[in-house]
Amino acid sequence: MAKQVTASHAKNNFGGLLDDVAALGCVEIVKHGRLVAVVLSPRALAEARMAGAPRRIRSWGEKHMIPPQSARAARMLSVPSGFDEE
């Protein structure tokens, strides 16, 4: 069974969260009593893929929902002139 932590605990103790993931392989993040995220170590993700996990787990990391350059531009307060012009 995976360890469960609250979202605020995960945010405030991110280094500890990473240590737990490395040691345990999986940590579930709960917000308002509801599971909102699962953090897997690379080893646990590879094992899930090998074990025939559902497609949504096997495909994690294979593609982004939006192109990385668009995500980067979305985080900028103002896009510099000439950004991503080809």
N, C-alpha and C. Protein backbone atom coordinates (compact mmCIF):
# COMPACT_ATOMS: atom_id res chain seq x y z
N MET A 1 0.84 -1.18 0.00
CA MET A 1 0.00 0.00 0.00
C MET A 1 0.89 1.24 0.00
N ALA A 2 0.50 2.24 -0.75
CA ALA A 2 1.27 3.47 -0.87
C ALA A 2 1.05 4.35 0.35
N LYS A 3 2.03 5.17 0.64
CA LYS A 3 1.91 6.15 1.71
C LYS A 3 1.02 7.28 1.22
N GLN A 4 0.19 7.82 2.10
CA GLN A 4 -0.66 8.95 1.74
C GLN A 4 -0.22 10.18 2.53
N VAL A 5 -0.14 11.33 1.85
CA VAL A 5 0.16 12.60 2.51
C VAL A 5 -0.84 13.64 2.00
N THR A 6 -1.04 14.68 2.78
CA THR A 6 -1.93 15.74 2.34
C THR A 6 -1.19 16.62 1.33
N ALA A 7 -1.95 17.34 0.54
CA ALA A 7 -1.36 18.23 -0.47
C ALA A 7 -0.51 19.31 0.20
N SER A 8 -0.97 19.86 1.31
CA SER A 8 -0.19 20.90 1.98
C SER A 8 1.10 20.32 2.56
N HIS A 9 1.06 19.10 3.08
CA HIS A 9 2.28 18.46 3.58
C HIS A 9 3.25 18.21 2.43
N ALA A 10 2.75 17.75 1.29
CA ALA A 10 3.61 17.51 0.13
C ALA A 10 4.27 18.80 -0.33
N LYS A 11 3.51 19.90 -0.33
CA LYS A 11 4.04 21.19 -0.75
C LYS A 11 5.09 21.70 0.22
N ASN A 12 4.80 21.62 1.51
CA ASN A 12 5.70 22.16 2.52
C ASN A 12 6.92 21.29 2.77
N ASN A 13 6.85 20.01 2.41
CA ASN A 13 7.94 19.07 2.66
C ASN A 13 8.31 18.34 1.39
N PHE A 14 8.53 19.10 0.30
CA PHE A 14 8.77 18.49 -1.00
C PHE A 14 9.99 17.57 -1.00
N GLY A 15 11.06 17.98 -0.34
CA GLY A 15 12.26 17.15 -0.26
C GLY A 15 11.97 15.82 0.41
N GLY A 16 11.19 15.86 1.48
CA GLY A 16 10.80 14.63 2.17
C GLY A 16 9.90 13.76 1.30
N LEU A 17 9.03 14.41 0.52
CA LEU A 17 8.18 13.66 -0.40
C LEU A 17 9.03 12.89 -1.41
N LEU A 18 10.04 13.56 -1.95
CA LEU A 18 10.92 12.89 -2.91
C LEU A 18 11.67 11.73 -2.26
N ASP A 19 12.11 11.91 -1.02
CA ASP A 19 12.78 10.83 -0.30
C ASP A 19 11.84 9.64 -0.11
N ASP A 20 10.58 9.92 0.26
CA ASP A 20 9.60 8.84 0.43
C ASP A 20 9.34 8.12 -0.88
N VAL A 21 9.22 8.86 -1.96
CA VAL A 21 8.98 8.24 -3.27
C VAL A 21 10.16 7.36 -3.65
N ALA A 22 11.38 7.84 -3.42
CA ALA A 22 12.57 7.05 -3.74
C ALA A 22 12.61 5.77 -2.91
N ALA A 23 12.22 5.87 -1.64
CA ALA A 23 12.28 4.71 -0.76
C ALA A 23 11.12 3.74 -0.97
N LEU A 24 9.92 4.29 -1.14
CA LEU A 24 8.71 3.46 -1.21
C LEU A 24 8.25 3.15 -2.63
N GLY A 25 8.61 4.00 -3.57
CA GLY A 25 8.19 3.80 -4.95
C GLY A 25 6.92 4.53 -5.32
N CYS A 26 6.06 4.83 -4.32
CA CYS A 26 4.77 5.45 -4.62
C CYS A 26 4.26 6.22 -3.41
N VAL A 27 3.80 7.44 -3.65
CA VAL A 27 3.17 8.24 -2.60
C VAL A 27 1.91 8.85 -3.19
N GLU A 28 0.80 8.70 -2.46
CA GLU A 28 -0.47 9.28 -2.89
C GLU A 28 -0.67 10.63 -2.20
N ILE A 29 -1.14 11.62 -2.95
CA ILE A 29 -1.39 12.94 -2.40
C ILE A 29 -2.90 13.15 -2.31
N VAL A 30 -3.35 13.52 -1.12
CA VAL A 30 -4.78 13.65 -0.83
C VAL A 30 -5.09 15.11 -0.50
N LYS A 31 -6.17 15.61 -1.08
CA LYS A 31 -6.61 16.98 -0.80
C LYS A 31 -8.09 16.93 -0.44
N HIS A 32 -8.43 17.46 0.72
CA HIS A 32 -9.81 17.45 1.22
C HIS A 32 -10.38 16.03 1.23
N GLY A 33 -9.55 15.06 1.62
CA GLY A 33 -9.99 13.67 1.73
C GLY A 33 -10.12 12.93 0.42
N ARG A 34 -9.70 13.54 -0.68
CA ARG A 34 -9.84 12.93 -2.00
C ARG A 34 -8.47 12.77 -2.64
N LEU A 35 -8.22 11.62 -3.22
CA LEU A 35 -6.96 11.37 -3.89
C LEU A 35 -6.87 12.27 -5.13
N VAL A 36 -5.80 13.09 -5.19
CA VAL A 36 -5.65 14.02 -6.31
C VAL A 36 -4.42 13.74 -7.16
N ALA A 37 -3.44 13.01 -6.61
CA ALA A 37 -2.22 12.73 -7.37
C ALA A 37 -1.52 11.51 -6.81
N VAL A 38 -0.75 10.88 -7.68
CA VAL A 38 0.11 9.77 -7.29
C VAL A 38 1.49 10.07 -7.84
N VAL A 39 2.50 10.01 -6.97
CA VAL A 39 3.87 10.27 -7.39
C VAL A 39 4.59 8.92 -7.39
N LEU A 40 5.14 8.56 -8.55
CA LEU A 40 5.83 7.28 -8.70
C LEU A 40 7.31 7.51 -8.96
N SER A 41 8.13 6.61 -8.45
CA SER A 41 9.54 6.64 -8.79
C SER A 41 9.69 6.07 -10.20
N PRO A 42 10.80 6.37 -10.88
CA PRO A 42 11.01 5.79 -12.20
C PRO A 42 10.96 4.26 -12.17
N ARG A 43 11.49 3.68 -11.11
CA ARG A 43 11.48 2.22 -10.98
C ARG A 43 10.04 1.69 -10.89
N ALA A 44 9.20 2.35 -10.07
CA ALA A 44 7.82 1.92 -9.91
C ALA A 44 7.04 2.10 -11.22
N LEU A 45 7.32 3.17 -11.94
CA LEU A 45 6.66 3.39 -13.23
C LEU A 45 7.04 2.31 -14.22
N ALA A 46 8.33 1.97 -14.28
CA ALA A 46 8.79 0.90 -15.18
C ALA A 46 8.15 -0.43 -14.81
N GLU A 47 8.05 -0.71 -13.51
CA GLU A 47 7.41 -1.95 -13.07
C GLU A 47 5.94 -1.98 -13.44
N ALA A 48 5.26 -0.84 -13.32
CA ALA A 48 3.84 -0.76 -13.69
C ALA A 48 3.67 -1.02 -15.18
N ARG A 49 4.57 -0.47 -15.98
CA ARG A 49 4.50 -0.69 -17.43
C ARG A 49 4.72 -2.16 -17.77
N MET A 50 5.71 -2.77 -17.10
CA MET A 50 6.03 -4.17 -17.38
C MET A 50 4.90 -5.11 -16.92
N ALA A 51 4.21 -4.72 -15.86
CA ALA A 51 3.16 -5.57 -15.30
C ALA A 51 1.85 -5.45 -16.06
N GLY A 52 1.84 -4.66 -17.12
CA GLY A 52 0.61 -4.53 -17.90
C GLY A 52 -0.40 -3.61 -17.25
N ALA A 53 0.09 -2.52 -16.68
CA ALA A 53 -0.80 -1.53 -16.05
C ALA A 53 -1.73 -0.94 -17.11
N PRO A 54 -2.83 -0.34 -16.66
CA PRO A 54 -3.73 0.30 -17.63
C PRO A 54 -3.01 1.28 -18.52
N ARG A 55 -3.50 1.50 -19.71
CA ARG A 55 -2.86 2.36 -20.71
C ARG A 55 -2.54 3.75 -20.16
N ARG A 56 -3.42 4.32 -19.33
CA ARG A 56 -3.17 5.68 -18.84
C ARG A 56 -1.93 5.73 -17.98
N ILE A 57 -1.56 4.64 -17.32
CA ILE A 57 -0.33 4.61 -16.52
C ILE A 57 0.87 4.31 -17.41
N ARG A 58 0.72 3.40 -18.35
CA ARG A 58 1.84 3.05 -19.23
C ARG A 58 2.27 4.22 -20.08
N SER A 59 1.35 5.13 -20.41
CA SER A 59 1.69 6.21 -21.32
C SER A 59 2.22 7.46 -20.62
N TRP A 60 2.29 7.47 -19.29
CA TRP A 60 2.80 8.64 -18.58
C TRP A 60 4.19 8.96 -19.08
N GLY A 61 4.43 10.18 -19.37
CA GLY A 61 5.74 10.62 -19.80
C GLY A 61 6.02 10.42 -21.28
N GLU A 62 5.12 9.78 -22.02
CA GLU A 62 5.35 9.56 -23.43
C GLU A 62 4.99 10.78 -24.26
N LYS A 63 4.07 11.60 -23.77
CA LYS A 63 3.70 12.79 -24.51
C LYS A 63 3.16 13.83 -23.54
N HIS A 64 3.22 15.06 -23.94
CA HIS A 64 2.69 16.16 -23.14
C HIS A 64 1.31 16.50 -23.66
N MET A 65 0.50 17.07 -22.78
CA MET A 65 -0.83 17.49 -23.22
C MET A 65 -0.73 18.71 -24.13
N ILE A 66 0.23 19.58 -23.87
CA ILE A 66 0.48 20.71 -24.76
C ILE A 66 1.97 20.73 -25.06
N PRO A 67 2.36 21.27 -26.21
CA PRO A 67 3.78 21.29 -26.54
C PRO A 67 4.59 22.06 -25.48
N PRO A 68 5.78 21.58 -25.13
CA PRO A 68 6.58 22.23 -24.09
C PRO A 68 6.84 23.70 -24.34
N GLN A 69 7.04 24.10 -25.60
CA GLN A 69 7.30 25.52 -25.86
C GLN A 69 6.06 26.36 -25.57
N SER A 70 4.87 25.82 -25.79
CA SER A 70 3.65 26.56 -25.46
C SER A 70 3.49 26.67 -23.95
N ALA A 71 3.83 25.60 -23.23
CA ALA A 71 3.74 25.63 -21.78
C ALA A 71 4.71 26.66 -21.21
N ARG A 72 5.90 26.72 -21.78
CA ARG A 72 6.89 27.69 -21.33
C ARG A 72 6.40 29.12 -21.58
N ALA A 73 5.84 29.36 -22.75
CA ALA A 73 5.33 30.69 -23.07
C ALA A 73 4.17 31.07 -22.15
N ALA A 74 3.36 30.10 -21.76
CA ALA A 74 2.22 30.37 -20.89
C ALA A 74 2.66 30.80 -19.50
N ARG A 75 3.86 30.39 -19.07
CA ARG A 75 4.35 30.75 -17.74
C ARG A 75 5.00 32.13 -17.71
N MET A 76 5.25 32.72 -18.86
CA MET A 76 5.91 34.02 -18.92
C MET A 76 4.89 35.13 -18.72
N LEU A 77 5.30 36.18 -18.02
CA LEU A 77 4.40 37.32 -17.85
C LEU A 77 4.17 38.03 -19.17
N SER A 78 5.21 38.19 -19.95
CA SER A 78 5.06 38.73 -21.28
C SER A 78 6.07 38.00 -22.17
N VAL A 79 5.61 37.57 -23.31
CA VAL A 79 6.45 36.81 -24.22
C VAL A 79 7.40 37.77 -24.92
N PRO A 80 8.71 37.50 -24.86
CA PRO A 80 9.66 38.39 -25.52
C PRO A 80 9.45 38.40 -27.02
N SER A 81 9.77 39.54 -27.65
CA SER A 81 9.65 39.60 -29.10
C SER A 81 10.63 38.62 -29.71
N GLY A 82 10.20 37.95 -30.74
CA GLY A 82 11.05 36.96 -31.41
C GLY A 82 10.99 35.59 -30.77
N PHE A 83 10.18 35.41 -29.70
CA PHE A 83 10.09 34.10 -29.05
C PHE A 83 9.47 33.07 -29.98
N ASP A 84 10.15 31.99 -30.20
CA ASP A 84 9.68 30.86 -31.01
C ASP A 84 9.31 31.23 -32.43
N GLU A 85 9.89 32.27 -32.96
CA GLU A 85 9.66 32.59 -34.37
C GLU A 85 10.62 31.77 -35.21
N GLU A 86 10.12 31.22 -36.27
CA GLU A 86 10.97 30.39 -37.12
C GLU A 86 11.41 31.11 -38.35
